[in-house]
Amino acid sequence: MSELAATFAALRAILLPYADALDIKADTATDLYLDTRHIQKNRKPLFFGAVAVRRRYVSFHLMPVYVQPALVATLSPALRKRMQGKSCFNFVEVDETLFTELAALTNAGFESYRKLGFV
């Protein structure tokens, strides 16, 4: 298994437990995309998260970090260094320590969506 495929599999495993409460928009060998069932004012569902293999890295998107900026304050410097933009984290290889932190952040984000009534 290539390094990016292993990284994708590990990041996909972080998001997959939330799929039952969300809508799966894509689930392929290179993409997992999850929306909430909450419809916004623009009549589109609210995005929750995604994992996608890119050319040289794997992106992990987590929209609750954008919706609830206080979640960013809990990030370690190492995970913050992986952040691109406001809700995206990029990885080129599996990093168990950062993935454990990212799993906890994903859970906190899911719970914040639940409290806001989006899930």
Protein backbone atom coordinates (compact mmCIF):
# COMPACT_ATOMS: atom_id res chain seq x y z
CA MET A 1 0.00 0.00 0.00
CA SER A 2 1.38 3.39 -0.91
CA GLU A 3 2.03 5.96 1.80
CA LEU A 4 -0.84 8.18 0.59
CA ALA A 5 -3.23 5.22 0.48
CA ALA A 6 -2.29 4.28 4.05
CA THR A 7 -2.71 7.89 5.15
CA PHE A 8 -6.10 8.09 3.44
CA ALA A 9 -7.22 4.84 5.13
CA ALA A 10 -6.19 6.10 8.57
CA LEU A 11 -7.89 9.49 8.11
CA ARG A 12 -11.00 7.87 6.61
CA ALA A 13 -11.22 5.74 9.76
CA ILE A 14 -11.45 8.94 11.83
CA LEU A 15 -14.49 10.23 9.91
CA LEU A 16 -16.29 6.98 9.19
CA PRO A 17 -17.81 6.48 12.69
CA TYR A 18 -19.91 9.62 12.13
CA ALA A 19 -21.30 8.51 8.76
CA ASP A 20 -24.44 6.93 10.22
CA ALA A 21 -25.55 10.29 11.63
CA LEU A 22 -24.59 12.15 8.45
CA ASP A 23 -25.12 11.86 4.69
CA ILE A 24 -22.36 10.24 2.68
CA LYS A 25 -21.95 12.20 -0.55
CA ALA A 26 -18.90 10.26 -1.76
CA ASP A 27 -17.10 7.15 -0.56
CA THR A 28 -14.45 5.93 -2.99
CA ALA A 29 -10.87 4.71 -2.82
CA THR A 30 -9.70 8.34 -2.79
CA ASP A 31 -12.58 10.38 -1.31
CA LEU A 32 -14.93 10.37 1.63
CA TYR A 33 -17.32 13.33 1.82
CA LEU A 34 -19.90 13.82 4.59
CA ASP A 35 -22.69 16.40 4.85
CA THR A 36 -25.11 16.94 7.69
CA ARG A 37 -28.83 16.62 7.07
CA HIS A 38 -29.23 20.22 8.22
CA ILE A 39 -30.33 22.43 5.34
CA GLN A 40 -28.92 25.95 5.41
CA LYS A 41 -30.62 29.15 4.27
CA ASN A 42 -29.07 28.65 0.83
CA ARG A 43 -31.00 25.33 0.63
CA LYS A 44 -27.80 23.28 0.69
CA PRO A 45 -26.77 20.82 3.38
CA LEU A 46 -24.16 21.89 5.92
CA PHE A 47 -20.79 20.29 5.24
CA PHE A 48 -19.24 18.23 8.04
CA GLY A 49 -15.99 16.76 6.78
CA ALA A 50 -14.05 15.00 4.05
CA VAL A 51 -10.87 13.14 3.30
CA ALA A 52 -9.35 13.31 -0.18
CA VAL A 53 -6.19 12.03 -1.79
CA ARG A 54 -4.43 14.77 -3.70
CA ARG A 55 -1.36 14.54 -5.88
CA ARG A 56 1.23 14.76 -3.07
CA TYR A 57 -0.78 14.67 0.15
CA VAL A 58 -4.07 13.70 1.75
CA SER A 59 -6.44 16.46 2.87
CA PHE A 60 -8.67 16.16 5.92
CA HIS A 61 -11.43 18.78 5.98
CA LEU A 62 -13.37 19.44 9.18
CA MET A 63 -15.97 22.21 8.89
CA PRO A 64 -16.84 22.40 12.61
CA VAL A 65 -13.40 23.98 13.11
CA TYR A 66 -14.54 26.82 10.85
CA VAL A 67 -18.02 27.08 12.40
CA GLN A 68 -16.66 26.93 15.97
CA PRO A 69 -13.29 28.76 15.96
CA ALA A 70 -12.83 28.01 19.66
CA LEU A 71 -11.95 24.45 18.60
CA VAL A 72 -8.80 25.79 16.94
CA ALA A 73 -7.56 27.08 20.30
CA THR A 74 -7.25 23.47 21.49
CA LEU A 75 -4.85 22.43 18.71
CA SER A 76 -1.29 21.45 19.45
CA PRO A 77 1.40 23.39 17.57
CA ALA A 78 2.20 20.23 15.57
CA LEU A 79 -1.39 19.82 14.36
CA ARG A 80 -1.78 23.54 13.75
CA LYS A 81 1.29 23.32 11.49
CA ARG A 82 -0.66 20.84 9.30
CA MET A 83 -3.52 23.31 8.90
CA GLN A 84 -4.10 24.85 5.50
CA GLY A 85 -6.74 27.55 5.47
CA LYS A 86 -9.44 27.53 8.13
CA SER A 87 -10.63 23.91 8.16
CA CYS A 88 -8.17 21.74 6.24
CA PHE A 89 -5.27 19.62 7.45
CA ASN A 90 -2.76 18.05 5.03
CA PHE A 91 -0.69 14.92 5.63
CA VAL A 92 1.79 12.94 3.56
CA GLU A 93 2.14 10.00 5.97
CA VAL A 94 0.45 8.41 8.94
CA ASP A 95 1.22 10.17 12.22
CA GLU A 96 -0.45 8.30 15.07
CA THR A 97 -0.01 11.12 17.59
CA LEU A 98 -1.54 13.75 15.32
CA PHE A 99 -4.27 11.38 14.13
CA THR A 100 -5.26 10.67 17.74
CA GLU A 101 -5.52 14.42 18.33
CA LEU A 102 -7.44 14.85 15.08
CA ALA A 103 -9.88 12.10 16.11
CA ALA A 104 -10.55 13.92 19.39
CA LEU A 105 -10.98 17.19 17.48
CA THR A 106 -13.42 15.50 15.08
CA ASN A 107 -15.43 14.19 18.02
CA ALA A 108 -15.48 17.64 19.62
CA GLY A 109 -16.59 19.11 16.29
CA PHE A 110 -19.36 16.54 15.94
CA GLU A 111 -20.57 17.29 19.46
CA SER A 112 -20.50 21.02 18.75
CA TYR A 113 -22.67 20.43 15.67
CA ARG A 114 -25.01 18.33 17.81
CA LYS A 115 -25.34 21.12 20.40
CA LEU A 116 -26.06 23.63 17.63
CA GLY A 117 -28.79 21.35 16.26
CA PHE A 118 -27.03 20.57 12.99
CA VAL A 119 -26.87 16.82 13.68
